[in-house]
Amino acid sequence: MSEDKKAIHKPYHDHQYGFPIHDDNELFCRLVLEINQAGLSWEIILKKEATFRKAYHNFNIKKVAAYTEADRERLIADPGIIRNRLKINAAIENAKTILQLQKEHGSFEKWLELHHPKTKAEWVKLFKKTFRFTGGEIVNEFLMSAGYLPGAHAASCSVYKKVLKADPLWNRK
């Protein structure tokens, strides 16, 4: 990997990937970013993360859930994000779903914890039933990246022990 690519990937790899996320807006952010990565490289998403945050009001679930047709058009015209109508619509509809999950369970995080442990296949089935634009790879990467499924780092990776200290749900007995 070139030094330029390392500079893009290393902060995410060393400080975010596989670490538990306890903030619902950040969980939503990761879900939206994973959805937007479908068919593209993660590097593209990392390069655009700041503009995604700006375009989606820092992934404030309540604000995104209230987006209007004008907001959809604003997003589809924004070159700083992935301008895919299906992915944009999924973000808005998934924000509405998360609001409902928060109402029923207290938080998106508590809803995820309620369903732990599950196999990857069981998670995929649950996500497909609950959310939009959530295929197997998207669900797997979302759950691994947020500490719900193992596999983000090999045991030989220098970050692995840091992830374990952060107490990911997949490592709990």
N, C-alpha and C. Protein backbone atom coordinates (compact mmCIF):
# COMPACT_ATOMS: atom_id res chain seq x y z
N MET A 1 0.85 -1.18 0.00
CA MET A 1 0.00 0.00 0.00
C MET A 1 0.90 1.24 0.00
N SER A 2 0.60 2.19 -0.85
CA SER A 2 1.39 3.42 -0.93
C SER A 2 1.23 4.24 0.35
N GLU A 3 2.16 5.16 0.57
CA GLU A 3 2.08 6.03 1.76
C GLU A 3 0.82 6.88 1.74
N ASP A 4 0.41 7.33 0.55
CA ASP A 4 -0.82 8.12 0.43
C ASP A 4 -2.04 7.30 0.87
N LYS A 5 -2.10 6.03 0.42
CA LYS A 5 -3.22 5.17 0.79
C LYS A 5 -3.19 4.85 2.28
N LYS A 6 -1.99 4.60 2.81
CA LYS A 6 -1.85 4.33 4.25
C LYS A 6 -2.37 5.51 5.06
N ALA A 7 -2.07 6.72 4.62
CA ALA A 7 -2.51 7.92 5.34
C ALA A 7 -4.04 8.01 5.39
N ILE A 8 -4.69 7.47 4.39
CA ILE A 8 -6.16 7.48 4.35
C ILE A 8 -6.73 6.36 5.22
N HIS A 9 -6.15 5.16 5.12
CA HIS A 9 -6.71 3.98 5.80
C HIS A 9 -6.29 3.83 7.27
N LYS A 10 -5.08 4.22 7.61
CA LYS A 10 -4.53 3.94 8.94
C LYS A 10 -5.35 4.52 10.09
N PRO A 11 -5.76 5.79 10.05
CA PRO A 11 -6.55 6.30 11.18
C PRO A 11 -7.84 5.49 11.42
N TYR A 12 -8.53 5.14 10.34
CA TYR A 12 -9.75 4.34 10.48
C TYR A 12 -9.41 2.96 11.03
N HIS A 13 -8.41 2.30 10.45
CA HIS A 13 -8.00 0.96 10.88
C HIS A 13 -7.59 0.95 12.35
N ASP A 14 -6.80 1.93 12.75
CA ASP A 14 -6.21 1.92 14.09
C ASP A 14 -7.14 2.43 15.19
N HIS A 15 -8.15 3.24 14.84
CA HIS A 15 -8.94 3.88 15.90
C HIS A 15 -10.45 3.69 15.79
N GLN A 16 -10.94 3.14 14.68
CA GLN A 16 -12.39 2.99 14.54
C GLN A 16 -12.82 1.57 14.18
N TYR A 17 -12.14 0.94 13.25
CA TYR A 17 -12.57 -0.35 12.71
C TYR A 17 -12.54 -1.44 13.77
N GLY A 18 -13.72 -1.97 14.07
CA GLY A 18 -13.85 -3.06 15.03
C GLY A 18 -14.11 -2.60 16.45
N PHE A 19 -13.95 -1.31 16.72
CA PHE A 19 -14.19 -0.79 18.06
C PHE A 19 -15.69 -0.59 18.28
N PRO A 20 -16.18 -0.92 19.48
CA PRO A 20 -17.61 -0.71 19.76
C PRO A 20 -18.00 0.76 19.60
N ILE A 21 -19.20 0.96 19.08
CA ILE A 21 -19.77 2.30 18.94
C ILE A 21 -20.98 2.37 19.86
N HIS A 22 -21.00 3.36 20.74
CA HIS A 22 -22.09 3.47 21.71
C HIS A 22 -23.04 4.62 21.44
N ASP A 23 -22.76 5.41 20.44
CA ASP A 23 -23.59 6.55 20.09
C ASP A 23 -24.47 6.18 18.89
N ASP A 24 -25.77 6.33 19.03
CA ASP A 24 -26.69 5.94 17.96
C ASP A 24 -26.43 6.69 16.65
N ASN A 25 -26.10 7.99 16.75
CA ASN A 25 -25.83 8.74 15.53
C ASN A 25 -24.59 8.20 14.82
N GLU A 26 -23.59 7.79 15.59
CA GLU A 26 -22.39 7.20 14.98
C GLU A 26 -22.66 5.81 14.43
N LEU A 27 -23.52 5.04 15.08
CA LEU A 27 -23.93 3.75 14.52
C LEU A 27 -24.65 3.97 13.19
N PHE A 28 -25.53 4.95 13.16
CA PHE A 28 -26.23 5.30 11.93
C PHE A 28 -25.24 5.74 10.87
N CYS A 29 -24.28 6.56 11.25
CA CYS A 29 -23.23 7.00 10.33
C CYS A 29 -22.54 5.80 9.70
N ARG A 30 -22.12 4.85 10.53
CA ARG A 30 -21.40 3.68 10.01
C ARG A 30 -22.29 2.88 9.07
N LEU A 31 -23.58 2.73 9.41
CA LEU A 31 -24.49 2.01 8.54
C LEU A 31 -24.62 2.72 7.19
N VAL A 32 -24.80 4.04 7.22
CA VAL A 32 -24.92 4.80 5.97
C VAL A 32 -23.64 4.69 5.14
N LEU A 33 -22.49 4.80 5.79
CA LEU A 33 -21.23 4.70 5.06
C LEU A 33 -21.05 3.31 4.45
N GLU A 34 -21.40 2.28 5.20
CA GLU A 34 -21.30 0.91 4.66
C GLU A 34 -22.25 0.71 3.48
N ILE A 35 -23.44 1.24 3.58
CA ILE A 35 -24.39 1.15 2.47
C ILE A 35 -23.82 1.86 1.24
N ASN A 36 -23.24 3.02 1.46
CA ASN A 36 -22.70 3.79 0.34
C ASN A 36 -21.46 3.16 -0.26
N GLN A 37 -20.77 2.35 0.49
CA GLN A 37 -19.57 1.68 -0.02
C GLN A 37 -19.92 0.58 -1.02
N ALA A 38 -21.12 0.05 -0.97
CA ALA A 38 -21.52 -1.06 -1.86
C ALA A 38 -21.16 -0.75 -3.31
N GLY A 39 -20.35 -1.61 -3.89
CA GLY A 39 -19.94 -1.46 -5.28
C GLY A 39 -18.75 -0.53 -5.47
N LEU A 40 -18.24 0.03 -4.38
CA LEU A 40 -17.13 0.96 -4.44
C LEU A 40 -16.04 0.53 -3.46
N SER A 41 -14.94 1.26 -3.45
CA SER A 41 -13.89 0.95 -2.49
C SER A 41 -14.12 1.72 -1.19
N TRP A 42 -13.65 1.15 -0.10
CA TRP A 42 -13.76 1.81 1.19
C TRP A 42 -12.94 3.10 1.19
N GLU A 43 -11.89 3.12 0.41
CA GLU A 43 -11.05 4.31 0.30
C GLU A 43 -11.86 5.51 -0.19
N ILE A 44 -12.73 5.29 -1.16
CA ILE A 44 -13.59 6.38 -1.65
C ILE A 44 -14.45 6.93 -0.52
N ILE A 45 -15.00 6.03 0.28
CA ILE A 45 -15.86 6.44 1.39
C ILE A 45 -15.05 7.22 2.43
N LEU A 46 -13.86 6.72 2.75
CA LEU A 46 -13.02 7.42 3.73
C LEU A 46 -12.67 8.83 3.25
N LYS A 47 -12.39 8.97 1.97
CA LYS A 47 -12.06 10.28 1.41
C LYS A 47 -13.26 11.22 1.48
N LYS A 48 -14.46 10.68 1.40
CA LYS A 48 -15.68 11.49 1.38
C LYS A 48 -16.38 11.60 2.74
N GLU A 49 -15.81 10.99 3.78
CA GLU A 49 -16.51 10.95 5.07
C GLU A 49 -16.88 12.35 5.57
N ALA A 50 -15.97 13.28 5.50
CA ALA A 50 -16.25 14.64 5.99
C ALA A 50 -17.40 15.29 5.22
N THR A 51 -17.44 15.08 3.90
CA THR A 51 -18.53 15.67 3.12
C THR A 51 -19.84 14.92 3.34
N PHE A 52 -19.76 13.63 3.64
CA PHE A 52 -20.97 12.89 4.04
C PHE A 52 -21.52 13.48 5.33
N ARG A 53 -20.63 13.71 6.29
CA ARG A 53 -21.07 14.26 7.58
C ARG A 53 -21.76 15.61 7.39
N LYS A 54 -21.19 16.44 6.55
CA LYS A 54 -21.79 17.75 6.30
C LYS A 54 -23.13 17.60 5.60
N ALA A 55 -23.19 16.78 4.57
CA ALA A 55 -24.42 16.61 3.78
C ALA A 55 -25.56 16.00 4.60
N TYR A 56 -25.23 15.10 5.53
CA TYR A 56 -26.24 14.42 6.34
C TYR A 56 -26.31 14.96 7.77
N HIS A 57 -26.02 16.25 7.94
CA HIS A 57 -26.13 16.90 9.26
C HIS A 57 -25.46 16.10 10.37
N ASN A 58 -24.22 15.70 10.11
CA ASN A 58 -23.42 14.90 11.05
C ASN A 58 -24.14 13.63 11.49
N PHE A 59 -24.95 13.10 10.61
CA PHE A 59 -25.69 11.85 10.84
C PHE A 59 -26.63 11.93 12.04
N ASN A 60 -27.18 13.11 12.24
CA ASN A 60 -28.19 13.28 13.28
C ASN A 60 -29.45 12.56 12.80
N ILE A 61 -29.79 11.49 13.48
CA ILE A 61 -30.89 10.61 13.06
C ILE A 61 -32.20 11.38 12.93
N LYS A 62 -32.52 12.21 13.91
CA LYS A 62 -33.78 12.96 13.87
C LYS A 62 -33.84 13.89 12.66
N LYS A 63 -32.74 14.57 12.39
CA LYS A 63 -32.72 15.49 11.25
C LYS A 63 -32.85 14.73 9.93
N VAL A 64 -32.11 13.64 9.79
CA VAL A 64 -32.17 12.88 8.53
C VAL A 64 -33.55 12.26 8.34
N ALA A 65 -34.15 11.76 9.41
CA ALA A 65 -35.49 11.16 9.31
C ALA A 65 -36.53 12.19 8.84
N ALA A 66 -36.27 13.46 9.09
CA ALA A 66 -37.22 14.52 8.71
C ALA A 66 -36.91 15.11 7.33
N TYR A 67 -35.97 14.57 6.62
CA TYR A 67 -35.62 15.11 5.30
C TYR A 67 -36.83 15.08 4.37
N THR A 68 -36.90 16.13 3.58
CA THR A 68 -37.99 16.31 2.62
C THR A 68 -37.50 15.96 1.22
N GLU A 69 -38.38 16.10 0.26
CA GLU A 69 -38.00 15.89 -1.14
C GLU A 69 -36.90 16.86 -1.54
N ALA A 70 -36.95 18.07 -1.01
CA ALA A 70 -35.89 19.06 -1.30
C ALA A 70 -34.53 18.58 -0.79
N ASP A 71 -34.53 17.93 0.37
CA ASP A 71 -33.27 17.38 0.90
C ASP A 71 -32.77 16.24 0.01
N ARG A 72 -33.68 15.40 -0.46
CA ARG A 72 -33.28 14.31 -1.36
C ARG A 72 -32.62 14.90 -2.62
N GLU A 73 -33.21 15.94 -3.16
CA GLU A 73 -32.65 16.58 -4.36
C GLU A 73 -31.31 17.25 -4.06
N ARG A 74 -31.19 17.85 -2.89
CA ARG A 74 -29.92 18.45 -2.47
C ARG A 74 -28.83 17.38 -2.41
N LEU A 75 -29.17 16.23 -1.84
CA LEU A 75 -28.19 15.14 -1.73
C LEU A 75 -27.82 14.56 -3.09
N ILE A 76 -28.79 14.36 -3.95
CA ILE A 76 -28.52 13.79 -5.27
C ILE A 76 -27.63 14.72 -6.10
N ALA A 77 -27.65 16.01 -5.78
CA ALA A 77 -26.84 17.00 -6.50
C ALA A 77 -25.48 17.25 -5.85
N ASP A 78 -25.22 16.64 -4.71
CA ASP A 78 -23.99 16.92 -3.94
C ASP A 78 -22.83 16.03 -4.42
N PRO A 79 -21.82 16.61 -5.08
CA PRO A 79 -20.70 15.81 -5.58
C PRO A 79 -19.79 15.29 -4.46
N GLY A 80 -19.99 15.75 -3.23
CA GLY A 80 -19.17 15.32 -2.11
C GLY A 80 -19.57 13.99 -1.52
N ILE A 81 -20.71 13.46 -1.96
CA ILE A 81 -21.18 12.16 -1.47
C ILE A 81 -21.39 11.23 -2.66
N ILE A 82 -21.88 10.03 -2.38
CA ILE A 82 -22.26 9.10 -3.45
C ILE A 82 -23.68 9.47 -3.85
N ARG A 83 -23.83 9.89 -5.09
CA ARG A 83 -25.13 10.39 -5.56
C ARG A 83 -25.95 9.27 -6.19
N ASN A 84 -26.39 8.38 -5.33
CA ASN A 84 -27.19 7.24 -5.76
C ASN A 84 -28.53 7.36 -5.04
N ARG A 85 -29.59 7.51 -5.80
CA ARG A 85 -30.92 7.74 -5.22
C ARG A 85 -31.34 6.60 -4.28
N LEU A 86 -31.04 5.37 -4.62
CA LEU A 86 -31.42 4.24 -3.75
C LEU A 86 -30.70 4.33 -2.40
N LYS A 87 -29.43 4.70 -2.43
CA LYS A 87 -28.65 4.80 -1.20
C LYS A 87 -29.09 6.01 -0.37
N ILE A 88 -29.40 7.09 -1.02
CA ILE A 88 -29.91 8.28 -0.33
C ILE A 88 -31.26 7.98 0.32
N ASN A 89 -32.15 7.37 -0.43
CA ASN A 89 -33.46 7.00 0.12
C ASN A 89 -33.31 6.01 1.28
N ALA A 90 -32.38 5.08 1.16
CA ALA A 90 -32.14 4.11 2.24
C ALA A 90 -31.70 4.83 3.51
N ALA A 91 -30.82 5.81 3.39
CA ALA A 91 -30.36 6.55 4.57
C ALA A 91 -31.53 7.22 5.27
N ILE A 92 -32.39 7.86 4.52
CA ILE A 92 -33.54 8.57 5.10
C ILE A 92 -34.52 7.59 5.73
N GLU A 93 -34.86 6.55 5.01
CA GLU A 93 -35.81 5.56 5.54
C GLU A 93 -35.23 4.80 6.74
N ASN A 94 -33.93 4.50 6.69
CA ASN A 94 -33.29 3.81 7.82
C ASN A 94 -33.23 4.71 9.05
N ALA A 95 -33.09 6.02 8.86
CA ALA A 95 -33.15 6.95 9.99
C ALA A 95 -34.52 6.88 10.65
N LYS A 96 -35.57 6.83 9.83
CA LYS A 96 -36.93 6.72 10.38
C LYS A 96 -37.09 5.40 11.14
N THR A 97 -36.53 4.33 10.61
CA THR A 97 -36.60 3.03 11.28
C THR A 97 -35.87 3.08 12.62
N ILE A 98 -34.69 3.70 12.64
CA ILE A 98 -33.93 3.78 13.88
C ILE A 98 -34.68 4.60 14.92
N LEU A 99 -35.36 5.67 14.50
CA LEU A 99 -36.19 6.44 15.46
C LEU A 99 -37.23 5.53 16.10
N GLN A 100 -37.84 4.68 15.31
CA GLN A 100 -38.84 3.75 15.84
C GLN A 100 -38.19 2.75 16.79
N LEU A 101 -37.01 2.25 16.44
CA LEU A 101 -36.30 1.31 17.32
C LEU A 101 -35.91 1.99 18.63
N GLN A 102 -35.52 3.26 18.56
CA GLN A 102 -35.20 4.01 19.77
C GLN A 102 -36.43 4.15 20.67
N LYS A 103 -37.56 4.40 20.04
CA LYS A 103 -38.81 4.54 20.78
C LYS A 103 -39.16 3.23 21.50
N GLU A 104 -38.98 2.12 20.80
CA GLU A 104 -39.35 0.80 21.34
C GLU A 104 -38.31 0.22 22.30
N HIS A 105 -37.03 0.52 22.08
CA HIS A 105 -35.98 -0.16 22.84
C HIS A 105 -35.05 0.78 23.61
N GLY A 106 -35.26 2.07 23.48
CA GLY A 106 -34.41 3.03 24.18
C GLY A 106 -33.27 3.56 23.34
N SER A 107 -32.73 2.72 22.46
CA SER A 107 -31.65 3.15 21.57
C SER A 107 -31.45 2.11 20.48
N PHE A 108 -30.78 2.54 19.42
CA PHE A 108 -30.39 1.62 18.35
C PHE A 108 -29.40 0.61 18.92
N GLU A 109 -28.48 1.08 19.75
CA GLU A 109 -27.50 0.19 20.36
C GLU A 109 -28.19 -0.90 21.19
N LYS A 110 -29.20 -0.53 21.97
CA LYS A 110 -29.92 -1.53 22.79
C LYS A 110 -30.64 -2.54 21.90
N TRP A 111 -31.17 -2.09 20.76
CA TRP A 111 -31.81 -3.00 19.82
C TRP A 111 -30.79 -4.00 19.28
N LEU A 112 -29.61 -3.52 18.94
CA LEU A 112 -28.55 -4.41 18.46
C LEU A 112 -28.16 -5.40 19.56
N GLU A 113 -27.98 -4.91 20.77
CA GLU A 113 -27.60 -5.78 21.89
C GLU A 113 -28.67 -6.82 22.19
N LEU A 114 -29.93 -6.44 22.04
CA LEU A 114 -31.05 -7.36 22.26
C LEU A 114 -30.95 -8.59 21.35
N HIS A 115 -30.45 -8.38 20.15
CA HIS A 115 -30.38 -9.47 19.17
C HIS A 115 -29.05 -10.22 19.18
N HIS A 116 -28.16 -9.85 20.07
CA HIS A 116 -26.86 -10.52 20.16
C HIS A 116 -26.97 -11.70 21.11
N PRO A 117 -26.34 -12.84 20.85
CA PRO A 117 -25.55 -13.14 19.66
C PRO A 117 -26.40 -13.74 18.54
N LYS A 118 -26.00 -13.49 17.35
CA LYS A 118 -26.60 -14.10 16.16
C LYS A 118 -25.47 -14.49 15.21
N THR A 119 -25.77 -15.43 14.35
CA THR A 119 -24.83 -15.76 13.29
C THR A 119 -24.92 -14.66 12.24
N LYS A 120 -23.95 -14.61 11.37
CA LYS A 120 -23.98 -13.63 10.29
C LYS A 120 -25.28 -13.78 9.49
N ALA A 121 -25.65 -15.01 9.17
CA ALA A 121 -26.87 -15.26 8.39
C ALA A 121 -28.11 -14.76 9.11
N GLU A 122 -28.18 -14.96 10.41
CA GLU A 122 -29.33 -14.48 11.19
C GLU A 122 -29.37 -12.96 11.23
N TRP A 123 -28.19 -12.33 11.37
CA TRP A 123 -28.13 -10.87 11.35
C TRP A 123 -28.60 -10.34 10.01
N VAL A 124 -28.13 -10.95 8.93
CA VAL A 124 -28.51 -10.49 7.58
C VAL A 124 -30.02 -10.57 7.41
N LYS A 125 -30.61 -11.67 7.83
CA LYS A 125 -32.06 -11.85 7.71
C LYS A 125 -32.79 -10.76 8.51
N LEU A 126 -32.33 -10.48 9.73
CA LEU A 126 -32.95 -9.45 10.56
C LEU A 126 -32.81 -8.07 9.93
N PHE A 127 -31.62 -7.76 9.43
CA PHE A 127 -31.40 -6.44 8.82
C PHE A 127 -32.22 -6.28 7.55
N LYS A 128 -32.29 -7.31 6.73
CA LYS A 128 -33.08 -7.21 5.50
C LYS A 128 -34.55 -6.97 5.81
N LYS A 129 -35.01 -7.57 6.91
CA LYS A 129 -36.41 -7.39 7.33
C LYS A 129 -36.65 -6.00 7.91
N THR A 130 -35.61 -5.41 8.52
CA THR A 130 -35.75 -4.17 9.27
C THR A 130 -35.35 -2.91 8.49
N PHE A 131 -34.29 -3.02 7.71
CA PHE A 131 -33.70 -1.85 7.05
C PHE A 131 -33.73 -1.97 5.53
N ARG A 132 -33.42 -0.86 4.88
CA ARG A 132 -33.32 -0.82 3.42
C ARG A 132 -31.87 -0.92 2.99
N PHE A 133 -31.64 -1.54 1.84
CA PHE A 133 -30.33 -1.61 1.20
C PHE A 133 -29.29 -2.26 2.11
N THR A 134 -29.66 -3.40 2.70
CA THR A 134 -28.75 -4.09 3.61
C THR A 134 -28.58 -5.55 3.20
N GLY A 135 -27.66 -5.77 2.28
CA GLY A 135 -27.31 -7.12 1.87
C GLY A 135 -26.28 -7.73 2.80
N GLY A 136 -25.89 -8.94 2.51
CA GLY A 136 -24.98 -9.69 3.36
C GLY A 136 -23.66 -9.01 3.65
N GLU A 137 -23.02 -8.48 2.63
CA GLU A 137 -21.72 -7.85 2.82
C GLU A 137 -21.84 -6.55 3.62
N ILE A 138 -22.87 -5.77 3.35
CA ILE A 138 -23.09 -4.53 4.08
C ILE A 138 -23.33 -4.82 5.56
N VAL A 139 -24.20 -5.78 5.85
CA VAL A 139 -24.51 -6.13 7.24
C VAL A 139 -23.27 -6.66 7.94
N ASN A 140 -22.54 -7.56 7.28
CA ASN A 140 -21.34 -8.13 7.87
C ASN A 140 -20.32 -7.04 8.21
N GLU A 141 -20.05 -6.15 7.26
CA GLU A 141 -19.07 -5.08 7.49
C GLU A 141 -19.54 -4.10 8.56
N PHE A 142 -20.81 -3.76 8.54
CA PHE A 142 -21.34 -2.87 9.57
C PHE A 142 -21.14 -3.48 10.96
N LEU A 143 -21.54 -4.74 11.12
CA LEU A 143 -21.47 -5.38 12.43
C LEU A 143 -20.03 -5.63 12.87
N MET A 144 -19.15 -6.00 11.94
CA MET A 144 -17.73 -6.17 12.28
C MET A 144 -17.12 -4.83 12.67
N SER A 145 -17.41 -3.81 11.88
CA SER A 145 -16.79 -2.51 12.10
C SER A 145 -17.24 -1.86 13.40
N ALA A 146 -18.43 -2.23 13.89
CA ALA A 146 -18.98 -1.64 15.11
C ALA A 146 -18.84 -2.56 16.33
N GLY A 147 -18.12 -3.68 16.18
CA GLY A 147 -17.83 -4.55 17.31
C GLY A 147 -18.88 -5.58 17.66
N TYR A 148 -19.80 -5.87 16.74
CA TYR A 148 -20.83 -6.87 17.01
C TYR A 148 -20.49 -8.25 16.47
N LEU A 149 -19.64 -8.31 15.47
CA LEU A 149 -19.15 -9.57 14.92
C LEU A 149 -17.62 -9.53 14.91
N PRO A 150 -16.98 -10.68 15.16
CA PRO A 150 -15.51 -10.71 15.11
C PRO A 150 -15.02 -10.64 13.66
N GLY A 151 -13.72 -10.41 13.52
CA GLY A 151 -13.11 -10.49 12.20
C GLY A 151 -12.54 -9.19 11.68
N ALA A 152 -12.72 -8.08 12.40
CA ALA A 152 -12.19 -6.81 11.92
C ALA A 152 -10.66 -6.83 11.89
N HIS A 153 -10.06 -7.49 12.87
CA HIS A 153 -8.60 -7.57 12.96
C HIS A 153 -8.19 -9.00 13.29
N ALA A 154 -7.11 -9.45 12.70
CA ALA A 154 -6.53 -10.75 13.04
C ALA A 154 -5.88 -10.62 14.42
N ALA A 155 -5.78 -11.73 15.13
CA ALA A 155 -5.15 -11.70 16.45
C ALA A 155 -3.71 -11.19 16.39
N SER A 156 -3.06 -11.33 15.26
CA SER A 156 -1.69 -10.86 15.09
C SER A 156 -1.59 -9.35 14.81
N CYS A 157 -2.71 -8.70 14.56
CA CYS A 157 -2.73 -7.26 14.27
C CYS A 157 -2.47 -6.49 15.57
N SER A 158 -1.68 -5.44 15.48
CA SER A 158 -1.35 -4.63 16.67
C SER A 158 -2.59 -3.96 17.29
N VAL A 159 -3.65 -3.79 16.53
CA VAL A 159 -4.86 -3.14 17.03
C VAL A 159 -5.78 -4.12 17.76
N TYR A 160 -5.63 -5.40 17.48
CA TYR A 160 -6.52 -6.44 18.03
C TYR A 160 -6.69 -6.32 19.55
N LYS A 161 -5.58 -6.19 20.28
CA LYS A 161 -5.66 -6.10 21.75
C LYS A 161 -6.38 -4.84 22.21
N LYS A 162 -6.22 -3.75 21.47
CA LYS A 162 -6.93 -2.51 21.80
C LYS A 162 -8.44 -2.69 21.62
N VAL A 163 -8.82 -3.40 20.58
CA VAL A 163 -10.24 -3.69 20.35
C VAL A 163 -10.78 -4.52 21.51
N LEU A 164 -10.03 -5.55 21.91
CA LEU A 164 -10.47 -6.39 23.03
C LEU A 164 -10.64 -5.57 24.31
N LYS A 165 -9.74 -4.63 24.57
CA LYS A 165 -9.86 -3.77 25.75
C LYS A 165 -11.11 -2.90 25.70
N ALA A 166 -11.56 -2.59 24.49
CA ALA A 166 -12.78 -1.77 24.32
C ALA A 166 -14.05 -2.60 24.54
N ASP A 167 -13.90 -3.89 24.80
CA ASP A 167 -15.01 -4.80 25.15
C ASP A 167 -16.09 -4.92 24.08
N PRO A 168 -15.70 -5.38 22.87
CA PRO A 168 -16.72 -5.56 21.83
C PRO A 168 -17.71 -6.65 22.24
N LEU A 169 -18.93 -6.49 21.81
CA LEU A 169 -19.99 -7.43 22.18
C LEU A 169 -19.67 -8.85 21.75
N TRP A 170 -19.01 -9.04 20.60
CA TRP A 170 -18.71 -10.39 20.12
C TRP A 170 -17.78 -11.15 21.05
N ASN A 171 -17.02 -10.44 21.90
CA ASN A 171 -16.05 -11.08 22.78
C ASN A 171 -16.61 -11.35 24.17
N ARG A 172 -17.84 -10.95 24.43
CA ARG A 172 -18.44 -11.16 25.75
C ARG A 172 -19.01 -12.56 25.85
N LYS A 173 -18.91 -13.11 27.02
CA LYS A 173 -19.44 -14.46 27.25
C LYS A 173 -20.90 -14.41 27.62
